[in-house]
Amino acid sequence: MIAENLHRIEQEIQESCALVSRNPQDITMVAVTKSVDSMTANELVELGVTDLAENRVDKLLEKKQNLSQHQQLHWHLIGNLQRRKVKLIINEIDYFHALDSLRLAQEIQKRAERPINCFIEVNVSGEESKHGIKPEELHSFIKELADLDKVKIVGLMTMAPYEASQQSVRKIFATLKQLQESVKNQNLQYAPCTELSMGMSQDFKTAIEEGATFVRIGTALFKKG
């Protein structure tokens, strides 16, 4: 089942790239394993998946320990991170997808042993239930990070509302792409901002068409039938 789902998703990534003349090699599929156990996650790894994501600190640490025989894995924390938990997790991950405050960035700076690849979470949709900074605050926020050498801004992240129309979703992703380009064009050493983390099981094809380089897939990998 998982092998079939993975094959279908990889095909859909290729098809979406072909629509907009993109190279599928430029897309990293991050498998969100928060709903499955380590044995199921291991099945994915055996099929060639190299990027795994969790949204809880304890679950990521547990799976990383259980899959420690796989040296090639990249670990992504995609959930909101409380400052008091930064010290537990920050040196165990390769990417953090939800940087949304200066105080959190300062805590990462304090605890990290190396530069951490971070995505700034931007609340493009304006939903009150979503974390993330406002689009109009992005440039001032990035300026505040200039002296934090352990916080490397590799890109931006957003989530579209689950029930939104495809037209609305596309507009949200296109807006994040424009914001990303505006940061990238500043050529900031600490914020190269070349990546876009957007798109999940229900909307990753639209995200790829609008420029996503990291897509976060969970439900579509593990659904039955």
N, C-alpha and C. Protein backbone atom coordinates (compact mmCIF):
# COMPACT_ATOMS: atom_id res chain seq x y z
N MET A 1 0.83 -1.22 0.00
CA MET A 1 0.00 0.00 0.00
C MET A 1 0.86 1.26 0.00
N ILE A 2 1.82 1.32 0.94
CA ILE A 2 2.68 2.50 1.02
C ILE A 2 3.52 2.65 -0.24
N ALA A 3 4.02 1.53 -0.75
CA ALA A 3 4.83 1.58 -1.97
C ALA A 3 4.01 2.13 -3.14
N GLU A 4 2.76 1.68 -3.23
CA GLU A 4 1.88 2.16 -4.31
C GLU A 4 1.58 3.65 -4.14
N ASN A 5 1.29 4.06 -2.93
CA ASN A 5 1.02 5.48 -2.66
C ASN A 5 2.23 6.34 -3.00
N LEU A 6 3.40 5.89 -2.58
CA LEU A 6 4.63 6.64 -2.84
C LEU A 6 4.87 6.77 -4.34
N HIS A 7 4.68 5.67 -5.05
CA HIS A 7 4.88 5.69 -6.51
C HIS A 7 3.92 6.68 -7.16
N ARG A 8 2.66 6.68 -6.72
CA ARG A 8 1.67 7.60 -7.30
C ARG A 8 2.04 9.05 -7.02
N ILE A 9 2.47 9.33 -5.79
CA ILE A 9 2.85 10.70 -5.43
C ILE A 9 4.05 11.16 -6.25
N GLU A 10 5.03 10.28 -6.41
CA GLU A 10 6.20 10.64 -7.21
C GLU A 10 5.81 10.92 -8.65
N GLN A 11 4.86 10.14 -9.17
CA GLN A 11 4.36 10.40 -10.53
C GLN A 11 3.66 11.75 -10.61
N GLU A 12 2.85 12.06 -9.60
CA GLU A 12 2.12 13.33 -9.59
C GLU A 12 3.07 14.51 -9.47
N ILE A 13 4.15 14.34 -8.73
CA ILE A 13 5.17 15.40 -8.64
C ILE A 13 5.79 15.63 -10.01
N GLN A 14 6.10 14.53 -10.71
CA GLN A 14 6.68 14.67 -12.05
C GLN A 14 5.71 15.35 -13.01
N GLU A 15 4.45 14.97 -12.93
CA GLU A 15 3.44 15.57 -13.82
C GLU A 15 3.26 17.06 -13.54
N SER A 16 3.24 17.43 -12.27
CA SER A 16 3.09 18.84 -11.90
C SER A 16 4.29 19.65 -12.37
N CYS A 17 5.47 19.07 -12.24
CA CYS A 17 6.68 19.75 -12.72
C CYS A 17 6.64 19.94 -14.24
N ALA A 18 6.19 18.90 -14.94
CA ALA A 18 6.13 18.97 -16.40
C ALA A 18 5.20 20.09 -16.87
N LEU A 19 4.11 20.32 -16.13
CA LEU A 19 3.15 21.36 -16.50
C LEU A 19 3.78 22.74 -16.54
N VAL A 20 4.78 22.97 -15.68
CA VAL A 20 5.38 24.30 -15.56
C VAL A 20 6.88 24.28 -15.87
N SER A 21 7.30 23.23 -16.59
CA SER A 21 8.70 23.10 -17.03
C SER A 21 9.70 23.19 -15.87
N ARG A 22 9.41 22.45 -14.80
CA ARG A 22 10.34 22.38 -13.67
C ARG A 22 10.98 20.99 -13.62
N ASN A 23 12.13 20.92 -12.98
CA ASN A 23 12.84 19.66 -12.81
C ASN A 23 12.37 18.99 -11.52
N PRO A 24 11.84 17.76 -11.59
CA PRO A 24 11.41 17.07 -10.36
C PRO A 24 12.52 16.92 -9.33
N GLN A 25 13.77 16.96 -9.78
CA GLN A 25 14.90 16.86 -8.86
C GLN A 25 14.94 18.06 -7.90
N ASP A 26 14.28 19.14 -8.28
CA ASP A 26 14.28 20.35 -7.44
C ASP A 26 13.23 20.30 -6.32
N ILE A 27 12.45 19.23 -6.29
CA ILE A 27 11.39 19.09 -5.28
C ILE A 27 11.82 18.06 -4.24
N THR A 28 11.80 18.43 -2.98
CA THR A 28 12.03 17.48 -1.89
C THR A 28 10.69 17.09 -1.28
N MET A 29 10.38 15.79 -1.37
CA MET A 29 9.17 15.31 -0.72
C MET A 29 9.51 14.94 0.72
N VAL A 30 8.90 15.65 1.65
CA VAL A 30 9.10 15.39 3.07
C VAL A 30 7.93 14.54 3.56
N ALA A 31 8.24 13.34 4.04
CA ALA A 31 7.19 12.44 4.52
C ALA A 31 6.84 12.78 5.96
N VAL A 32 5.58 13.16 6.17
CA VAL A 32 5.11 13.52 7.52
C VAL A 32 4.63 12.25 8.21
N THR A 33 5.40 11.80 9.20
CA THR A 33 5.15 10.49 9.82
C THR A 33 4.48 10.60 11.18
N LYS A 34 3.86 11.74 11.47
CA LYS A 34 3.29 11.96 12.82
C LYS A 34 2.16 10.99 13.15
N SER A 35 1.50 10.43 12.14
CA SER A 35 0.35 9.56 12.40
C SER A 35 0.69 8.08 12.36
N VAL A 36 1.97 7.75 12.14
CA VAL A 36 2.36 6.34 12.03
C VAL A 36 3.50 6.02 13.00
N ASP A 37 3.71 4.73 13.23
CA ASP A 37 4.77 4.33 14.15
C ASP A 37 6.11 4.22 13.44
N SER A 38 7.14 3.93 14.20
CA SER A 38 8.50 3.88 13.65
C SER A 38 8.65 2.76 12.62
N MET A 39 7.94 1.66 12.81
CA MET A 39 8.03 0.55 11.87
C MET A 39 7.50 0.96 10.50
N THR A 40 6.40 1.69 10.49
CA THR A 40 5.83 2.17 9.23
C THR A 40 6.75 3.21 8.59
N ALA A 41 7.30 4.09 9.41
CA ALA A 41 8.26 5.08 8.90
C ALA A 41 9.47 4.38 8.29
N ASN A 42 9.91 3.30 8.93
CA ASN A 42 11.05 2.54 8.42
C ASN A 42 10.74 1.94 7.05
N GLU A 43 9.49 1.54 6.86
CA GLU A 43 9.07 1.01 5.56
C GLU A 43 9.28 2.05 4.46
N LEU A 44 8.94 3.29 4.76
CA LEU A 44 9.16 4.38 3.81
C LEU A 44 10.64 4.56 3.49
N VAL A 45 11.44 4.53 4.54
CA VAL A 45 12.88 4.71 4.37
C VAL A 45 13.45 3.60 3.49
N GLU A 46 12.98 2.37 3.71
CA GLU A 46 13.44 1.23 2.91
C GLU A 46 13.06 1.41 1.43
N LEU A 47 12.02 2.20 1.18
CA LEU A 47 11.59 2.49 -0.20
C LEU A 47 12.34 3.66 -0.81
N GLY A 48 13.26 4.25 -0.04
CA GLY A 48 14.11 5.31 -0.59
C GLY A 48 13.81 6.72 -0.12
N VAL A 49 12.82 6.89 0.75
CA VAL A 49 12.52 8.23 1.28
C VAL A 49 13.62 8.65 2.25
N THR A 50 14.12 9.88 2.09
CA THR A 50 15.25 10.35 2.92
C THR A 50 14.88 11.49 3.85
N ASP A 51 13.68 12.07 3.69
CA ASP A 51 13.29 13.22 4.50
C ASP A 51 12.02 12.90 5.28
N LEU A 52 12.13 12.95 6.62
CA LEU A 52 11.00 12.64 7.49
C LEU A 52 10.68 13.84 8.38
N ALA A 53 9.39 14.04 8.63
CA ALA A 53 8.96 15.19 9.43
C ALA A 53 8.02 14.77 10.55
N GLU A 54 8.17 15.45 11.67
CA GLU A 54 7.26 15.30 12.81
C GLU A 54 6.87 16.70 13.27
N ASN A 55 5.72 16.80 13.96
CA ASN A 55 5.32 18.11 14.48
C ASN A 55 5.41 18.18 16.00
N ARG A 56 5.90 17.09 16.62
CA ARG A 56 6.11 17.09 18.07
C ARG A 56 7.53 16.68 18.40
N VAL A 57 8.12 17.40 19.33
CA VAL A 57 9.51 17.17 19.70
C VAL A 57 9.73 15.74 20.17
N ASP A 58 8.87 15.25 21.08
CA ASP A 58 9.08 13.91 21.63
C ASP A 58 8.97 12.83 20.58
N LYS A 59 8.05 12.99 19.64
CA LYS A 59 7.87 11.98 18.60
C LYS A 59 9.05 11.97 17.63
N LEU A 60 9.58 13.14 17.32
CA LEU A 60 10.74 13.18 16.43
C LEU A 60 11.94 12.51 17.08
N LEU A 61 12.19 12.82 18.33
CA LEU A 61 13.32 12.21 19.04
C LEU A 61 13.17 10.69 19.12
N GLU A 62 11.96 10.25 19.35
CA GLU A 62 11.69 8.81 19.44
C GLU A 62 11.96 8.12 18.11
N LYS A 63 11.43 8.69 17.02
CA LYS A 63 11.63 8.06 15.71
C LYS A 63 13.09 8.13 15.28
N LYS A 64 13.75 9.23 15.56
CA LYS A 64 15.16 9.34 15.18
C LYS A 64 15.98 8.26 15.88
N GLN A 65 15.68 8.03 17.14
CA GLN A 65 16.36 6.97 17.89
C GLN A 65 16.06 5.59 17.28
N ASN A 66 14.80 5.35 16.96
CA ASN A 66 14.40 4.04 16.43
C ASN A 66 14.91 3.78 15.02
N LEU A 67 15.22 4.85 14.29
CA LEU A 67 15.70 4.70 12.91
C LEU A 67 17.17 5.10 12.79
N SER A 68 17.89 5.02 13.88
CA SER A 68 19.27 5.52 13.91
C SER A 68 20.21 4.74 13.00
N GLN A 69 19.78 3.55 12.55
CA GLN A 69 20.64 2.79 11.64
C GLN A 69 20.71 3.42 10.25
N HIS A 70 19.76 4.32 9.96
CA HIS A 70 19.73 4.98 8.65
C HIS A 70 20.45 6.33 8.73
N GLN A 71 21.69 6.36 8.32
CA GLN A 71 22.51 7.57 8.46
C GLN A 71 22.13 8.67 7.46
N GLN A 72 21.43 8.29 6.38
CA GLN A 72 21.18 9.23 5.29
C GLN A 72 19.97 10.12 5.51
N LEU A 73 19.27 9.96 6.62
CA LEU A 73 18.01 10.68 6.81
C LEU A 73 18.19 12.15 7.15
N HIS A 74 17.26 12.96 6.65
CA HIS A 74 17.15 14.36 7.05
C HIS A 74 15.87 14.49 7.88
N TRP A 75 15.99 15.14 9.04
CA TRP A 75 14.85 15.27 9.95
C TRP A 75 14.32 16.70 9.95
N HIS A 76 13.00 16.82 9.81
CA HIS A 76 12.33 18.11 9.72
C HIS A 76 11.35 18.25 10.88
N LEU A 77 11.43 19.36 11.60
CA LEU A 77 10.40 19.69 12.58
C LEU A 77 9.46 20.69 11.94
N ILE A 78 8.18 20.31 11.82
CA ILE A 78 7.24 21.16 11.07
C ILE A 78 6.21 21.83 11.97
N GLY A 79 6.19 21.47 13.25
CA GLY A 79 5.18 22.05 14.13
C GLY A 79 5.67 23.28 14.87
N ASN A 80 4.73 23.95 15.49
CA ASN A 80 5.06 25.08 16.36
C ASN A 80 5.99 24.61 17.47
N LEU A 81 7.04 25.37 17.75
CA LEU A 81 8.05 24.98 18.74
C LEU A 81 8.03 25.94 19.93
N GLN A 82 7.81 25.37 21.12
CA GLN A 82 7.87 26.19 22.34
C GLN A 82 9.33 26.46 22.69
N ARG A 83 9.59 27.67 23.17
CA ARG A 83 10.98 28.05 23.45
C ARG A 83 11.64 27.11 24.46
N ARG A 84 10.88 26.64 25.42
CA ARG A 84 11.48 25.79 26.46
C ARG A 84 11.92 24.42 25.92
N LYS A 85 11.44 24.07 24.72
CA LYS A 85 11.82 22.78 24.14
C LYS A 85 12.94 22.89 23.10
N VAL A 86 13.36 24.11 22.81
CA VAL A 86 14.39 24.31 21.78
C VAL A 86 15.65 23.51 22.11
N LYS A 87 16.07 23.56 23.36
CA LYS A 87 17.32 22.90 23.73
C LYS A 87 17.27 21.38 23.54
N LEU A 88 16.06 20.81 23.58
CA LEU A 88 15.91 19.36 23.43
C LEU A 88 16.04 18.90 21.98
N ILE A 89 15.70 19.77 21.05
CA ILE A 89 15.50 19.31 19.67
C ILE A 89 16.41 19.97 18.64
N ILE A 90 16.87 21.17 18.90
CA ILE A 90 17.42 21.98 17.80
C ILE A 90 18.67 21.37 17.18
N ASN A 91 19.45 20.63 17.95
CA ASN A 91 20.65 20.01 17.39
C ASN A 91 20.40 18.60 16.85
N GLU A 92 19.13 18.20 16.86
CA GLU A 92 18.75 16.88 16.35
C GLU A 92 18.09 16.95 14.97
N ILE A 93 17.85 18.16 14.47
CA ILE A 93 17.11 18.30 13.21
C ILE A 93 17.97 18.94 12.13
N ASP A 94 17.52 18.74 10.89
CA ASP A 94 18.19 19.35 9.74
C ASP A 94 17.44 20.58 9.25
N TYR A 95 16.12 20.60 9.45
CA TYR A 95 15.30 21.74 9.02
C TYR A 95 14.22 22.02 10.07
N PHE A 96 13.97 23.31 10.28
CA PHE A 96 12.86 23.75 11.13
C PHE A 96 11.94 24.61 10.28
N HIS A 97 10.67 24.23 10.16
CA HIS A 97 9.76 24.84 9.19
C HIS A 97 8.83 25.89 9.78
N ALA A 98 9.03 26.31 11.03
CA ALA A 98 8.01 27.16 11.65
C ALA A 98 8.59 28.27 12.52
N LEU A 99 9.60 28.96 12.02
CA LEU A 99 10.14 30.11 12.76
C LEU A 99 9.16 31.27 12.63
N ASP A 100 8.66 31.76 13.78
CA ASP A 100 7.62 32.79 13.69
C ASP A 100 7.77 33.90 14.72
N SER A 101 8.92 33.97 15.41
CA SER A 101 9.10 35.08 16.35
C SER A 101 10.58 35.31 16.61
N LEU A 102 10.91 36.53 16.97
CA LEU A 102 12.29 36.87 17.28
C LEU A 102 12.75 36.15 18.54
N ARG A 103 11.88 36.02 19.52
CA ARG A 103 12.27 35.34 20.77
C ARG A 103 12.62 33.88 20.52
N LEU A 104 11.89 33.24 19.62
CA LEU A 104 12.21 31.85 19.27
C LEU A 104 13.55 31.79 18.54
N ALA A 105 13.79 32.72 17.62
CA ALA A 105 15.07 32.77 16.90
C ALA A 105 16.22 32.99 17.87
N GLN A 106 16.03 33.84 18.86
CA GLN A 106 17.08 34.10 19.85
C GLN A 106 17.37 32.87 20.69
N GLU A 107 16.34 32.10 20.99
CA GLU A 107 16.53 30.86 21.76
C GLU A 107 17.29 29.82 20.91
N ILE A 108 16.98 29.76 19.63
CA ILE A 108 17.72 28.87 18.72
C ILE A 108 19.18 29.29 18.68
N GLN A 109 19.42 30.58 18.56
CA GLN A 109 20.79 31.12 18.56
C GLN A 109 21.55 30.69 19.82
N LYS A 110 20.87 30.71 20.93
CA LYS A 110 21.48 30.38 22.22
C LYS A 110 21.81 28.89 22.34
N ARG A 111 20.96 28.04 21.77
CA ARG A 111 21.08 26.59 21.99
C ARG A 111 21.75 25.82 20.86
N ALA A 112 21.77 26.38 19.66
CA ALA A 112 22.28 25.62 18.51
C ALA A 112 23.80 25.53 18.51
N GLU A 113 24.29 24.38 18.09
CA GLU A 113 25.74 24.16 18.00
C GLU A 113 26.26 24.43 16.59
N ARG A 114 25.36 24.66 15.67
CA ARG A 114 25.71 24.92 14.26
C ARG A 114 24.56 25.73 13.66
N PRO A 115 24.77 26.32 12.48
CA PRO A 115 23.65 27.03 11.84
C PRO A 115 22.51 26.06 11.52
N ILE A 116 21.30 26.46 11.87
CA ILE A 116 20.11 25.63 11.65
C ILE A 116 19.32 26.16 10.46
N ASN A 117 19.00 25.27 9.52
CA ASN A 117 18.20 25.64 8.36
C ASN A 117 16.76 25.91 8.80
N CYS A 118 16.34 27.16 8.67
CA CYS A 118 15.01 27.56 9.14
C CYS A 118 14.16 28.13 8.01
N PHE A 119 12.89 27.80 8.04
CA PHE A 119 11.89 28.45 7.20
C PHE A 119 11.10 29.41 8.09
N ILE A 120 10.93 30.63 7.64
CA ILE A 120 10.03 31.55 8.34
C ILE A 120 8.59 31.20 7.96
N GLU A 121 7.76 31.00 8.98
CA GLU A 121 6.35 30.72 8.72
C GLU A 121 5.61 32.03 8.51
N VAL A 122 4.97 32.16 7.36
CA VAL A 122 4.24 33.37 7.00
C VAL A 122 2.74 33.02 6.92
N ASN A 123 1.93 33.78 7.61
CA ASN A 123 0.49 33.55 7.61
C ASN A 123 -0.14 34.34 6.46
N VAL A 124 0.02 33.80 5.25
CA VAL A 124 -0.47 34.50 4.06
C VAL A 124 -1.99 34.59 4.05
N SER A 125 -2.66 33.53 4.51
CA SER A 125 -4.12 33.49 4.44
C SER A 125 -4.79 34.42 5.45
N GLY A 126 -4.06 34.80 6.51
CA GLY A 126 -4.63 35.67 7.53
C GLY A 126 -5.54 34.96 8.52
N GLU A 127 -5.56 33.64 8.48
CA GLU A 127 -6.38 32.88 9.43
C GLU A 127 -5.90 33.09 10.86
N GLU A 128 -6.83 33.36 11.75
CA GLU A 128 -6.46 33.59 13.15
C GLU A 128 -5.95 32.32 13.81
N SER A 129 -6.37 31.17 13.31
CA SER A 129 -5.96 29.90 13.92
C SER A 129 -4.55 29.49 13.51
N LYS A 130 -3.98 30.17 12.53
CA LYS A 130 -2.65 29.82 12.03
C LYS A 130 -1.57 30.63 12.74
N HIS A 131 -0.43 29.98 12.95
CA HIS A 131 0.75 30.69 13.42
C HIS A 131 1.39 31.39 12.23
N GLY A 132 2.45 32.14 12.49
CA GLY A 132 3.19 32.78 11.40
C GLY A 132 3.12 34.29 11.46
N ILE A 133 4.11 34.91 10.85
CA ILE A 133 4.14 36.37 10.83
C ILE A 133 3.31 36.89 9.65
N LYS A 134 2.90 38.13 9.74
CA LYS A 134 2.12 38.73 8.66
C LYS A 134 3.05 39.05 7.49
N PRO A 135 2.55 38.92 6.26
CA PRO A 135 3.39 39.20 5.09
C PRO A 135 4.05 40.58 5.14
N GLU A 136 3.31 41.57 5.62
CA GLU A 136 3.86 42.94 5.63
C GLU A 136 4.95 43.12 6.69
N GLU A 137 5.09 42.16 7.58
CA GLU A 137 6.12 42.25 8.62
C GLU A 137 7.38 41.46 8.27
N LEU A 138 7.37 40.77 7.13
CA LEU A 138 8.46 39.85 6.80
C LEU A 138 9.82 40.53 6.73
N HIS A 139 9.90 41.63 6.00
CA HIS A 139 11.22 42.25 5.79
C HIS A 139 11.79 42.84 7.08
N SER A 140 10.95 43.42 7.90
CA SER A 140 11.47 43.94 9.18
C SER A 140 11.88 42.79 10.09
N PHE A 141 11.15 41.67 10.04
CA PHE A 141 11.50 40.50 10.84
C PHE A 141 12.87 39.96 10.41
N ILE A 142 13.08 39.86 9.12
CA ILE A 142 14.36 39.32 8.63
C ILE A 142 15.52 40.22 9.05
N LYS A 143 15.32 41.51 9.03
CA LYS A 143 16.39 42.43 9.48
C LYS A 143 16.78 42.16 10.93
N GLU A 144 15.80 41.79 11.75
CA GLU A 144 16.07 41.52 13.17
C GLU A 144 16.92 40.27 13.38
N LEU A 145 17.03 39.44 12.36
CA LEU A 145 17.77 38.18 12.48
C LEU A 145 19.22 38.30 12.03
N ALA A 146 19.62 39.48 11.60
CA ALA A 146 20.93 39.66 10.95
C ALA A 146 22.11 39.21 11.80
N ASP A 147 22.03 39.38 13.11
CA ASP A 147 23.17 39.06 13.98
C ASP A 147 23.11 37.64 14.55
N LEU A 148 22.13 36.86 14.14
CA LEU A 148 21.97 35.51 14.68
C LEU A 148 22.62 34.50 13.71
N ASP A 149 23.88 34.18 13.96
CA ASP A 149 24.61 33.36 12.99
C ASP A 149 24.25 31.88 13.04
N LYS A 150 23.45 31.47 14.02
CA LYS A 150 23.01 30.07 14.08
C LYS A 150 21.62 29.88 13.45
N VAL A 151 21.04 30.96 12.96
CA VAL A 151 19.72 30.90 12.33
C VAL A 151 19.89 31.24 10.85
N LYS A 152 19.82 30.20 10.02
CA LYS A 152 19.99 30.40 8.57
C LYS A 152 18.61 30.32 7.91
N ILE A 153 18.19 31.42 7.32
CA ILE A 153 16.87 31.47 6.70
C ILE A 153 16.97 30.93 5.28
N VAL A 154 16.63 29.64 5.13
CA VAL A 154 16.74 29.01 3.82
C VAL A 154 15.51 29.27 2.96
N GLY A 155 14.39 29.67 3.60
CA GLY A 155 13.20 29.89 2.81
C GLY A 155 12.00 30.29 3.66
N LEU A 156 10.84 30.26 3.01
CA LEU A 156 9.58 30.62 3.66
C LEU A 156 8.62 29.43 3.63
N MET A 157 7.71 29.40 4.59
CA MET A 157 6.71 28.33 4.68
C MET A 157 5.34 28.93 4.91
N THR A 158 4.33 28.32 4.30
CA THR A 158 2.95 28.68 4.63
C THR A 158 2.05 27.47 4.46
N MET A 159 0.86 27.55 5.05
CA MET A 159 -0.17 26.52 4.88
C MET A 159 -1.45 27.20 4.39
N ALA A 160 -2.05 26.61 3.39
CA ALA A 160 -3.33 27.12 2.89
C ALA A 160 -4.46 26.53 3.72
N PRO A 161 -5.57 27.26 3.89
CA PRO A 161 -6.72 26.71 4.61
C PRO A 161 -7.19 25.40 3.97
N TYR A 162 -7.55 24.45 4.80
CA TYR A 162 -7.89 23.11 4.31
C TYR A 162 -9.09 23.13 3.37
N GLU A 163 -10.07 23.97 3.68
CA GLU A 163 -11.32 23.97 2.90
C GLU A 163 -11.33 25.03 1.79
N ALA A 164 -10.21 25.69 1.57
CA ALA A 164 -10.18 26.78 0.58
C ALA A 164 -10.33 26.25 -0.84
N SER A 165 -10.85 27.10 -1.72
CA SER A 165 -10.96 26.73 -3.14
C SER A 165 -9.56 26.67 -3.75
N GLN A 166 -9.45 25.95 -4.86
CA GLN A 166 -8.14 25.83 -5.51
C GLN A 166 -7.63 27.21 -5.94
N GLN A 167 -8.55 28.07 -6.35
CA GLN A 167 -8.17 29.42 -6.76
C GLN A 167 -7.55 30.19 -5.58
N SER A 168 -8.17 30.08 -4.42
CA SER A 168 -7.64 30.75 -3.23
C SER A 168 -6.29 30.18 -2.82
N VAL A 169 -6.19 28.85 -2.87
CA VAL A 169 -4.94 28.17 -2.52
C VAL A 169 -3.81 28.63 -3.44
N ARG A 170 -4.11 28.67 -4.74
CA ARG A 170 -3.09 29.08 -5.71
C ARG A 170 -2.63 30.52 -5.43
N LYS A 171 -3.56 31.38 -5.09
CA LYS A 171 -3.20 32.78 -4.80
C LYS A 171 -2.30 32.87 -3.57
N ILE A 172 -2.59 32.07 -2.54
CA ILE A 172 -1.77 32.05 -1.33
C ILE A 172 -0.34 31.61 -1.66
N PHE A 173 -0.23 30.53 -2.43
CA PHE A 173 1.10 30.02 -2.78
C PHE A 173 1.86 31.01 -3.67
N ALA A 174 1.15 31.63 -4.61
CA ALA A 174 1.80 32.60 -5.49
C ALA A 174 2.30 33.81 -4.69
N THR A 175 1.55 34.20 -3.69
CA THR A 175 1.96 35.32 -2.83
C THR A 175 3.23 34.97 -2.06
N LEU A 176 3.30 33.75 -1.54
CA LEU A 176 4.51 33.35 -0.81
C LEU A 176 5.71 33.32 -1.74
N LYS A 177 5.50 32.87 -2.97
CA LYS A 177 6.59 32.86 -3.96
C LYS A 177 7.11 34.28 -4.20
N GLN A 178 6.21 35.23 -4.33
CA GLN A 178 6.63 36.63 -4.53
C GLN A 178 7.42 37.14 -3.33
N LEU A 179 6.97 36.80 -2.13
CA LEU A 179 7.69 37.22 -0.92
C LEU A 179 9.08 36.59 -0.88
N GLN A 180 9.14 35.31 -1.23
CA GLN A 180 10.43 34.61 -1.23
C GLN A 180 11.41 35.27 -2.20
N GLU A 181 10.93 35.58 -3.39
CA GLU A 181 11.80 36.24 -4.38
C GLU A 181 12.28 37.59 -3.88
N SER A 182 11.42 38.31 -3.18
CA SER A 182 11.79 39.64 -2.70
C SER A 182 12.89 39.57 -1.64
N VAL A 183 12.90 38.48 -0.86
CA VAL A 183 13.97 38.30 0.13
C VAL A 183 15.23 37.80 -0.57
N LYS A 184 15.07 36.82 -1.43
CA LYS A 184 16.22 36.23 -2.14
C LYS A 184 17.00 37.30 -2.90
N ASN A 185 16.28 38.23 -3.51
CA ASN A 185 16.92 39.27 -4.32
C ASN A 185 17.75 40.25 -3.51
N GLN A 186 17.62 40.21 -2.19
CA GLN A 186 18.46 41.07 -1.34
C GLN A 186 19.86 40.50 -1.13
N ASN A 187 20.05 39.22 -1.53
CA ASN A 187 21.37 38.58 -1.42
C ASN A 187 21.95 38.67 -0.01
N LEU A 188 21.13 38.35 0.97
CA LEU A 188 21.59 38.37 2.36
C LEU A 188 22.27 37.04 2.68
N GLN A 189 23.48 37.12 3.21
CA GLN A 189 24.23 35.90 3.50
C GLN A 189 23.52 35.01 4.52
N TYR A 190 22.89 35.63 5.51
CA TYR A 190 22.22 34.86 6.56
C TYR A 190 20.80 34.44 6.17
N ALA A 191 20.31 34.95 5.04
CA ALA A 191 18.94 34.63 4.59
C ALA A 191 18.91 34.46 3.08
N PRO A 192 19.55 33.37 2.57
CA PRO A 192 19.53 33.15 1.12
C PRO A 192 18.12 32.97 0.57
N CYS A 193 17.25 32.38 1.36
CA CYS A 193 15.81 32.28 1.04
C CYS A 193 15.56 31.74 -0.37
N THR A 194 16.19 30.62 -0.67
CA THR A 194 16.03 30.01 -1.99
C THR A 194 14.93 28.95 -2.03
N GLU A 195 14.37 28.60 -0.86
CA GLU A 195 13.43 27.47 -0.80
C GLU A 195 12.02 27.93 -0.42
N LEU A 196 11.05 27.09 -0.79
CA LEU A 196 9.64 27.33 -0.45
C LEU A 196 9.03 26.05 0.08
N SER A 197 8.64 26.06 1.34
CA SER A 197 7.98 24.91 1.96
C SER A 197 6.48 25.17 1.97
N MET A 198 5.78 24.56 1.03
CA MET A 198 4.33 24.75 0.95
C MET A 198 3.73 23.60 0.15
N GLY A 199 2.51 23.26 0.52
CA GLY A 199 1.83 22.15 -0.15
C GLY A 199 1.83 20.91 0.71
N MET A 200 0.63 20.35 0.92
CA MET A 200 0.47 19.10 1.67
C MET A 200 -0.32 18.12 0.79
N SER A 201 -0.78 17.04 1.39
CA SER A 201 -1.40 15.97 0.58
C SER A 201 -2.48 16.49 -0.35
N GLN A 202 -3.31 17.44 0.12
CA GLN A 202 -4.46 17.87 -0.67
C GLN A 202 -4.13 18.95 -1.69
N ASP A 203 -2.96 19.60 -1.57
CA ASP A 203 -2.70 20.74 -2.47
C ASP A 203 -1.25 20.82 -2.97
N PHE A 204 -0.48 19.73 -2.84
CA PHE A 204 0.93 19.82 -3.21
C PHE A 204 1.15 20.03 -4.70
N LYS A 205 0.21 19.55 -5.52
CA LYS A 205 0.38 19.74 -6.97
C LYS A 205 0.28 21.22 -7.33
N THR A 206 -0.69 21.91 -6.76
CA THR A 206 -0.80 23.36 -6.97
C THR A 206 0.43 24.07 -6.44
N ALA A 207 0.92 23.64 -5.28
CA ALA A 207 2.11 24.26 -4.68
C ALA A 207 3.32 24.14 -5.59
N ILE A 208 3.50 22.97 -6.19
CA ILE A 208 4.63 22.77 -7.10
C ILE A 208 4.50 23.68 -8.32
N GLU A 209 3.29 23.80 -8.84
CA GLU A 209 3.08 24.68 -9.99
C GLU A 209 3.41 26.13 -9.65
N GLU A 210 3.28 26.50 -8.36
CA GLU A 210 3.55 27.87 -7.94
C GLU A 210 4.95 28.06 -7.35
N GLY A 211 5.78 27.01 -7.39
CA GLY A 211 7.18 27.21 -7.02
C GLY A 211 7.69 26.49 -5.78
N ALA A 212 6.88 25.63 -5.15
CA ALA A 212 7.33 24.91 -3.95
C ALA A 212 8.58 24.10 -4.25
N THR A 213 9.50 24.06 -3.29
CA THR A 213 10.67 23.18 -3.40
C THR A 213 10.64 22.08 -2.34
N PHE A 214 9.87 22.28 -1.27
CA PHE A 214 9.63 21.25 -0.26
C PHE A 214 8.12 21.06 -0.12
N VAL A 215 7.64 19.83 -0.30
CA VAL A 215 6.22 19.54 -0.06
C VAL A 215 6.13 18.53 1.08
N ARG A 216 5.13 18.70 1.94
CA ARG A 216 5.01 17.90 3.16
C ARG A 216 3.81 16.96 3.02
N ILE A 217 4.10 15.68 2.84
CA ILE A 217 3.05 14.72 2.51
C ILE A 217 2.89 13.69 3.63
N GLY A 218 1.68 13.58 4.16
CA GLY A 218 1.40 12.57 5.19
C GLY A 218 0.25 11.68 4.79
N THR A 219 -0.96 12.23 4.81
CA THR A 219 -2.18 11.46 4.55
C THR A 219 -2.10 10.66 3.25
N ALA A 220 -1.65 11.27 2.18
CA ALA A 220 -1.62 10.61 0.88
C ALA A 220 -0.66 9.42 0.84
N LEU A 221 0.32 9.42 1.72
CA LEU A 221 1.27 8.30 1.78
C LEU A 221 0.69 7.08 2.48
N PHE A 222 -0.15 7.32 3.46
CA PHE A 222 -0.57 6.24 4.35
C PHE A 222 -2.03 5.82 4.20
N LYS A 223 -2.76 6.48 3.30
CA LYS A 223 -4.18 6.13 3.17
C LYS A 223 -4.33 4.75 2.54
N LYS A 224 -5.39 4.08 2.91
CA LYS A 224 -5.66 2.74 2.40
C LYS A 224 -6.62 2.82 1.22
N GLY A 225 -6.32 2.01 0.20
CA GLY A 225 -7.22 1.91 -0.93
C GLY A 225 -7.15 3.08 -1.88
